[in-house]
PDB file of N, CA and C in Angstrom:
ATOM      1  N   MET A   1       0.718  -1.014   0.000  1.00  0.00           N
ATOM      2  CA  MET A   1       0.218   0.302  -0.397  1.00  0.00           C
ATOM      3  C   MET A   1       0.929   1.000  -0.147  1.00  0.00           C
ATOM      4  N   LEU A   2       1.770   1.390   0.731  1.00  0.00           N
ATOM      5  CA  LEU A   2       2.802   2.836   1.108  1.00  0.00           C
ATOM      6  C   LEU A   2       3.512   2.562   0.014  1.00  0.00           C
ATOM      7  N   PHE A   3       4.072   1.395  -0.843  1.00  0.00           N
ATOM      8  CA  PHE A   3       4.849   1.541  -1.945  1.00  0.00           C
ATOM      9  C   PHE A   3       4.061   2.376  -2.859  1.00  0.00           C
ATOM     10  N   GLY A   4       2.820   1.652  -3.100  1.00  0.00           N
ATOM     11  CA  GLY A   4       2.018   2.535  -4.265  1.00  0.00           C
ATOM     12  C   GLY A   4       1.930   3.842  -4.646  1.00  0.00           C
ATOM     13  N   TYR A   5       1.696   4.301  -3.154  1.00  0.00           N
ATOM     14  CA  TYR A   5       1.665   5.672  -2.994  1.00  0.00           C
ATOM     15  C   TYR A   5       3.015   6.505  -3.066  1.00  0.00           C
ATOM     16  N   VAL A   6       4.462   6.157  -2.941  1.00  0.00           N
ATOM     17  CA  VAL A   6       5.265   6.460  -3.223  1.00  0.00           C
ATOM     18  C   VAL A   6       5.502   6.199  -4.688  1.00  0.00           C
ATOM     19  N   ALA A   7       5.470   5.054  -4.935  1.00  0.00           N
ATOM     20  CA  ALA A   7       5.534   4.789  -6.486  1.00  0.00           C
ATOM     21  C   ALA A   7       4.282   6.015  -7.538  1.00  0.00           C
ATOM     22  N   ALA A   8       3.394   6.432  -6.807  1.00  0.00           N
ATOM     23  CA  ALA A   8       2.424   7.255  -7.549  1.00  0.00           C
ATOM     24  C   ALA A   8       2.852   8.467  -7.354  1.00  0.00           C
ATOM     25  N   SER A   9       3.877   9.202  -6.556  1.00  0.00           N
ATOM     26  CA  SER A   9       4.711  10.362  -6.093  1.00  0.00           C
ATOM     27  C   SER A   9       5.181  10.210  -7.009  1.00  0.00           C
ATOM     28  N   VAL A  10       6.576   9.571  -7.013  1.00  0.00           N
ATOM     29  CA  VAL A  10       7.348   9.534  -8.384  1.00  0.00           C
ATOM     30  C   VAL A  10       7.043   9.680 -10.065  1.00  0.00           C
ATOM     31  N   LEU A  11       6.108   9.345  -9.913  1.00  0.00           N
ATOM     32  CA  LEU A  11       5.686   9.361 -11.317  1.00  0.00           C
ATOM     33  C   LEU A  11       4.754  10.713 -11.337  1.00  0.00           C
ATOM     34  N   ALA A  12       4.387  11.000 -10.680  1.00  0.00           N
ATOM     35  CA  ALA A  12       3.837  12.276 -10.487  1.00  0.00           C
ATOM     36  C   ALA A  12       4.796  13.885 -10.582  1.00  0.00           C
ATOM     37  N   LEU A  13       5.645  13.534  -9.638  1.00  0.00           N
ATOM     38  CA  LEU A  13       7.002  14.350  -9.552  1.00  0.00           C
ATOM     39  C   LEU A  13       7.844  14.475 -11.219  1.00  0.00           C
ATOM     40  N   SER A  14       8.087  12.858 -11.207  1.00  0.00           N
ATOM     41  CA  SER A  14       8.610  13.224 -12.998  1.00  0.00           C
ATOM     42  C   SER A  14       7.783  13.919 -13.930  1.00  0.00           C
ATOM     43  N   ALA A  15       6.691  14.111 -14.054  1.00  0.00           N
ATOM     44  CA  ALA A  15       5.959  14.228 -15.046  1.00  0.00           C
ATOM     45  C   ALA A  15       5.817  15.841 -14.776  1.00  0.00           C
ATOM     46  N   VAL A  16       6.040  16.854 -13.498  1.00  0.00           N
ATOM     47  CA  VAL A  16       6.052  18.139 -13.475  1.00  0.00           C
ATOM     48  C   VAL A  16       7.786  18.581 -13.238  1.00  0.00           C
ATOM     49  N   LEU A  17       8.593  17.935 -13.443  1.00  0.00           N
ATOM     50  CA  LEU A  17       9.670  18.345 -13.032  1.00  0.00           C
ATOM     51  C   LEU A  17      10.116  18.714 -14.303  1.00  0.00           C
ATOM     52  N   PRO A  18      11.015  19.684 -14.973  1.00  0.00           N
ATOM     53  CA  PRO A  18      11.093  20.100 -16.111  1.00  0.00           C
ATOM     54  C   PRO A  18      12.358  19.263 -16.546  1.00  0.00           C
ATOM     55  N   VAL A  19      12.187  19.222 -18.207  1.00  0.00           N
ATOM     56  CA  VAL A  19      13.032  18.133 -18.887  1.00  0.00           C
ATOM     57  C   VAL A  19      14.178  18.773 -18.775  1.00  0.00           C
ATOM     58  N   HIS A  20      14.662  20.359 -19.216  1.00  0.00           N
ATOM     59  CA  HIS A  20      15.911  20.531 -18.901  1.00  0.00           C
ATOM     60  C   HIS A  20      17.115  20.386 -17.867  1.00  0.00           C
ATOM     61  N   ALA A  21      16.236  20.526 -16.919  1.00  0.00           N
ATOM     62  CA  ALA A  21      17.066  20.175 -15.392  1.00  0.00           C
ATOM     63  C   ALA A  21      18.677  19.710 -15.258  1.00  0.00           C
ATOM     64  N   ALA A  22      18.313  18.575 -16.665  1.00  0.00           N
ATOM     65  CA  ALA A  22      19.560  17.566 -16.509  1.00  0.00           C
ATOM     66  C   ALA A  22      20.974  19.004 -17.273  1.00  0.00           C
ATOM     67  N   GLU A  23      20.468  20.339 -18.076  1.00  0.00           N
ATOM     68  CA  GLU A  23      21.892  20.787 -18.533  1.00  0.00           C
ATOM     69  C   GLU A  23      21.932  21.720 -17.597  1.00  0.00           C
ATOM     70  N   GLN A  24      21.553  22.135 -16.314  1.00  0.00           N
ATOM     71  CA  GLN A  24      22.238  22.800 -15.401  1.00  0.00           C
ATOM     72  C   GLN A  24      23.068  22.223 -14.710  1.00  0.00           C
ATOM     73  N   PRO A  25      24.051  22.965 -14.355  1.00  0.00           N
ATOM     74  CA  PRO A  25      25.204  22.475 -13.883  1.00  0.00           C
ATOM     75  C   PRO A  25      25.002  22.406 -12.357  1.00  0.00           C
ATOM     76  N   LEU A  26      25.366  20.900 -11.540  1.00  0.00           N
ATOM     77  CA  LEU A  26      25.457  20.547 -10.310  1.00  0.00           C
ATOM     78  C   LEU A  26      25.706  21.764  -9.598  1.00  0.00           C
ATOM     79  N   GLU A  27      25.351  22.405  -8.421  1.00  0.00           N
ATOM     80  CA  GLU A  27      25.924  22.722  -7.067  1.00  0.00           C
ATOM     81  C   GLU A  27      26.044  21.941  -6.080  1.00  0.00           C
ATOM     82  N   ILE A  28      27.413  22.242  -5.566  1.00  0.00           N
ATOM     83  CA  ILE A  28      27.967  21.189  -4.376  1.00  0.00           C
ATOM     84  C   ILE A  28      28.193  22.127  -3.475  1.00  0.00           C
ATOM     85  N   GLY A  29      27.786  22.258  -2.158  1.00  0.00           N
ATOM     86  CA  GLY A  29      27.867  23.379  -0.903  1.00  0.00           C
ATOM     87  C   GLY A  29      28.512  22.516  -0.604  1.00  0.00           C
ATOM     88  N   TYR A  30      29.848  23.302   0.229  1.00  0.00           N
ATOM     89  CA  TYR A  30      30.474  22.640   1.391  1.00  0.00           C
ATOM     90  C   TYR A  30      30.821  23.697   2.580  1.00  0.00           C
ATOM     91  N   LEU A  31      31.366  23.256   3.679  1.00  0.00           N
ATOM     92  CA  LEU A  31      31.966  23.825   4.560  1.00  0.00           C
ATOM     93  C   LEU A  31      33.524  23.933   4.636  1.00  0.00           C
ATOM     94  N   PRO A  32      34.206  25.111   4.328  1.00  0.00           N
ATOM     95  CA  PRO A  32      35.281  25.258   4.533  1.00  0.00           C
ATOM     96  C   PRO A  32      36.413  24.492   5.569  1.00  0.00           C
ATOM     97  N   ILE A  33      36.454  23.144   5.545  1.00  0.00           N
ATOM     98  CA  ILE A  33      37.015  22.256   6.771  1.00  0.00           C
ATOM     99  C   ILE A  33      38.170  21.257   6.388  1.00  0.00           C
ATOM    100  N   LEU A  34      38.803  20.784   6.643  1.00  0.00           N
ATOM    101  CA  LEU A  34      39.739  20.086   6.125  1.00  0.00           C
ATOM    102  C   LEU A  34      38.837  18.414   5.722  1.00  0.00           C
ATOM    103  N   PRO A  35      37.734  18.283   6.698  1.00  0.00           N
ATOM    104  CA  PRO A  35      37.323  17.071   5.614  1.00  0.00           C
ATOM    105  C   PRO A  35      36.151  17.199   4.407  1.00  0.00           C
ATOM    106  N   ALA A  36      36.199  18.245   4.113  1.00  0.00           N
ATOM    107  CA  ALA A  36      35.556  19.001   2.488  1.00  0.00           C
ATOM    108  C   ALA A  36      36.628  18.805   1.903  1.00  0.00           C
ATOM    109  N   ALA A  37      38.139  18.374   2.303  1.00  0.00           N
ATOM    110  CA  ALA A  37      39.303  18.533   0.869  1.00  0.00           C
ATOM    111  C   ALA A  37      39.069  16.705   0.467  1.00  0.00           C
ATOM    112  N   GLN A  38      38.271  15.675   0.619  1.00  0.00           N
ATOM    113  CA  GLN A  38      37.859  14.939  -0.230  1.00  0.00           C
ATOM    114  C   GLN A  38      37.551  15.096  -1.686  1.00  0.00           C
ATOM    115  N   LEU A  39      36.147  16.451  -1.224  1.00  0.00           N
ATOM    116  CA  LEU A  39      35.403  16.918  -2.814  1.00  0.00           C
ATOM    117  C   LEU A  39      36.189  17.750  -3.084  1.00  0.00           C
ATOM    118  N   PHE A  40      37.569  18.136  -2.951  1.00  0.00           N
ATOM    119  CA  PHE A  40      38.419  19.068  -3.612  1.00  0.00           C
ATOM    120  C   PHE A  40      39.069  17.906  -4.794  1.00  0.00           C
ATOM    121  N   VAL A  41      39.732  16.524  -3.898  1.00  0.00           N
ATOM    122  CA  VAL A  41      40.432  15.245  -4.485  1.00  0.00           C
ATOM    123  C   VAL A  41      39.731  15.541  -5.549  1.00  0.00           C
ATOM    124  N   GLY A  42      38.311  14.873  -5.203  1.00  0.00           N
ATOM    125  CA  GLY A  42      37.280  13.605  -5.954  1.00  0.00           C
ATOM    126  C   GLY A  42      37.283  14.352  -7.316  1.00  0.00           C
ATOM    127  N   LEU A  43      37.400  15.634  -7.644  1.00  0.00           N
ATOM    128  CA  LEU A  43      37.057  16.747  -8.338  1.00  0.00           C
ATOM    129  C   LEU A  43      38.183  17.127  -9.539  1.00  0.00           C
ATOM    130  N   GLU A  44      39.296  16.990  -8.440  1.00  0.00           N
ATOM    131  CA  GLU A  44      40.428  17.016  -9.697  1.00  0.00           C
ATOM    132  C   GLU A  44      40.915  15.483 -10.163  1.00  0.00           C
ATOM    133  N   SER A  45      40.884  14.856  -9.603  1.00  0.00           N
ATOM    134  CA  SER A  45      41.446  13.378 -10.548  1.00  0.00           C
ATOM    135  C   SER A  45      40.395  13.113 -11.258  1.00  0.00           C
ATOM    136  N   GLY A  46      38.780  13.558 -11.249  1.00  0.00           N
ATOM    137  CA  GLY A  46      37.871  13.312 -12.014  1.00  0.00           C
ATOM    138  C   GLY A  46      37.092  12.133 -11.468  1.00  0.00           C
ATOM    139  N   ASP A  47      37.089  11.707 -10.010  1.00  0.00           N
ATOM    140  CA  ASP A  47      36.518  10.820 -10.130  1.00  0.00           C
ATOM    141  C   ASP A  47      35.171  10.597  -9.799  1.00  0.00           C
ATOM    142  N   LEU A  48      34.402  11.872  -9.456  1.00  0.00           N
ATOM    143  CA  LEU A  48      33.046  12.450  -9.049  1.00  0.00           C
ATOM    144  C   LEU A  48      32.156  12.804 -10.292  1.00  0.00           C
ATOM    145  N   LEU A  49      32.962  12.883 -11.307  1.00  0.00           N
ATOM    146  CA  LEU A  49      32.077  13.496 -12.373  1.00  0.00           C
ATOM    147  C   LEU A  49      31.984  12.542 -14.055  1.00  0.00           C
ATOM    148  N   PRO A  50      30.965  12.489 -14.549  1.00  0.00           N
ATOM    149  CA  PRO A  50      31.145  10.896 -15.890  1.00  0.00           C
ATOM    150  C   PRO A  50      31.885  12.023 -16.811  1.00  0.00           C
ATOM    151  N   GLU A  51      32.260  11.866 -17.803  1.00  0.00           N
ATOM    152  CA  GLU A  51      32.981  12.378 -19.173  1.00  0.00           C
ATOM    153  C   GLU A  51      31.776  13.212 -19.456  1.00  0.00           C
ATOM    154  N   GLY A  52      31.991  14.464 -19.803  1.00  0.00           N
ATOM    155  CA  GLY A  52      31.203  14.878 -20.637  1.00  0.00           C
ATOM    156  C   GLY A  52      30.063  16.039 -19.332  1.00  0.00           C
ATOM    157  N   GLU A  53      29.932  15.917 -18.341  1.00  0.00           N
ATOM    158  CA  GLU A  53      29.432  16.674 -18.019  1.00  0.00           C
ATOM    159  C   GLU A  53      29.901  17.743 -17.517  1.00  0.00           C
ATOM    160  N   PRO A  54      29.137  19.033 -17.201  1.00  0.00           N
ATOM    161  CA  PRO A  54      30.249  20.228 -16.923  1.00  0.00           C
ATOM    162  C   PRO A  54      30.659  20.020 -15.604  1.00  0.00           C
ATOM    163  N   ALA A  55      31.712  21.219 -15.530  1.00  0.00           N
ATOM    164  CA  ALA A  55      31.810  21.128 -14.069  1.00  0.00           C
ATOM    165  C   ALA A  55      31.098  21.950 -13.305  1.00  0.00           C
ATOM    166  N   PRO A  56      30.714  21.527 -11.702  1.00  0.00           N
ATOM    167  CA  PRO A  56      29.684  21.789 -10.898  1.00  0.00           C
ATOM    168  C   PRO A  56      29.620  23.110 -10.213  1.00  0.00           C
ATOM    169  N   LYS A  57      29.206  23.802  -9.862  1.00  0.00           N
ATOM    170  CA  LYS A  57      29.313  25.224  -9.269  1.00  0.00           C
ATOM    171  C   LYS A  57      29.541  24.772  -8.002  1.00  0.00           C
ATOM    172  N   LEU A  58      30.354  25.269  -7.004  1.00  0.00           N
ATOM    173  CA  LEU A  58      30.774  25.218  -5.858  1.00  0.00           C
ATOM    174  C   LEU A  58      30.391  26.315  -4.970  1.00  0.00           C
ATOM    175  N   VAL A  59      29.526  26.345  -3.797  1.00  0.00           N
ATOM    176  CA  VAL A  59      29.461  27.232  -3.323  1.00  0.00           C
ATOM    177  C   VAL A  59      29.916  26.692  -1.586  1.00  0.00           C
ATOM    178  N   SER A  60      30.384  27.639  -0.943  1.00  0.00           N
ATOM    179  CA  SER A  60      30.364  28.096   0.214  1.00  0.00           C
ATOM    180  C   SER A  60      29.821  28.446   1.382  1.00  0.00           C
ATOM    181  N   PHE A  61      29.551  27.687   2.181  1.00  0.00           N
ATOM    182  CA  PHE A  61      29.187  27.841   3.894  1.00  0.00           C
ATOM    183  C   PHE A  61      29.901  28.156   4.285  1.00  0.00           C
ATOM    184  N   GLN A  62      29.692  29.050   5.125  1.00  0.00           N
ATOM    185  CA  GLN A  62      30.359  29.387   6.734  1.00  0.00           C
ATOM    186  C   GLN A  62      30.238  28.900   7.892  1.00  0.00           C
ATOM    187  N   SER A  63      28.753  28.340   7.744  1.00  0.00           N
ATOM    188  CA  SER A  63      28.255  27.566   8.755  1.00  0.00           C
ATOM    189  C   SER A  63      27.077  26.579   8.667  1.00  0.00           C
ATOM    190  N   GLY A  64      27.329  25.202   9.681  1.00  0.00           N
ATOM    191  CA  GLY A  64      25.943  24.269   8.941  1.00  0.00           C
ATOM    192  C   GLY A  64      25.245  24.443   9.131  1.00  0.00           C
ATOM    193  N   PRO A  65      24.286  25.408  10.042  1.00  0.00           N
ATOM    194  CA  PRO A  65      22.788  26.224   9.786  1.00  0.00           C
ATOM    195  C   PRO A  65      22.593  26.429   8.552  1.00  0.00           C
ATOM    196  N   ALA A  66      23.627  27.256   7.953  1.00  0.00           N
ATOM    197  CA  ALA A  66      23.298  28.111   6.780  1.00  0.00           C
ATOM    198  C   ALA A  66      23.177  26.855   5.331  1.00  0.00           C
ATOM    199  N   LEU A  67      24.080  25.990   5.640  1.00  0.00           N
ATOM    200  CA  LEU A  67      23.955  24.973   4.505  1.00  0.00           C
ATOM    201  C   LEU A  67      22.902  24.227   4.476  1.00  0.00           C
ATOM    202  N   THR A  68      21.963  23.956   5.683  1.00  0.00           N
ATOM    203  CA  THR A  68      21.489  23.180   5.815  1.00  0.00           C
ATOM    204  C   THR A  68      20.259  24.062   5.282  1.00  0.00           C
ATOM    205  N   GLN A  69      19.703  25.311   5.679  1.00  0.00           N
ATOM    206  CA  GLN A  69      18.626  25.884   5.107  1.00  0.00           C
ATOM    207  C   GLN A  69      19.036  25.748   3.828  1.00  0.00           C
ATOM    208  N   ALA A  70      20.081  26.310   3.125  1.00  0.00           N
ATOM    209  CA  ALA A  70      20.076  26.209   1.542  1.00  0.00           C
ATOM    210  C   ALA A  70      19.871  24.348   1.150  1.00  0.00           C
ATOM    211  N   LEU A  71      19.679  23.587   1.872  1.00  0.00           N
ATOM    212  CA  LEU A  71      19.106  23.123   1.228  1.00  0.00           C
ATOM    213  C   LEU A  71      18.121  21.955   1.594  1.00  0.00           C
ATOM    214  N   ILE A  72      17.638  22.653   2.287  1.00  0.00           N
ATOM    215  CA  ILE A  72      15.888  22.354   2.583  1.00  0.00           C
ATOM    216  C   ILE A  72      15.159  23.798   1.773  1.00  0.00           C
ATOM    217  N   ALA A  73      15.599  24.413   1.311  1.00  0.00           N
ATOM    218  CA  ALA A  73      15.195  25.703   0.281  1.00  0.00           C
ATOM    219  C   ALA A  73      15.193  25.204  -1.314  1.00  0.00           C
ATOM    220  N   GLY A  74      16.066  24.279  -1.801  1.00  0.00           N
ATOM    221  CA  GLY A  74      16.322  23.842  -2.601  1.00  0.00           C
ATOM    222  C   GLY A  74      17.407  24.856  -3.357  1.00  0.00           C
TER     223      GLY A  74
END
């Protein structure tokens, strides 16, 4: 029963979402702290993005709450 509701929701959202969304570059938010260095190593080595994908837009946040608010806001 619950699976049916989830499947219906996914189908409804896929019909509403714009088709050109894949053309927009990926936005990655990060905090400027040492554990975020993995992100930059992965981007420089080419392990995070498939070939042909545009470079992601990196957005630096100064605090966790600001990053969380941006994540929730979309």
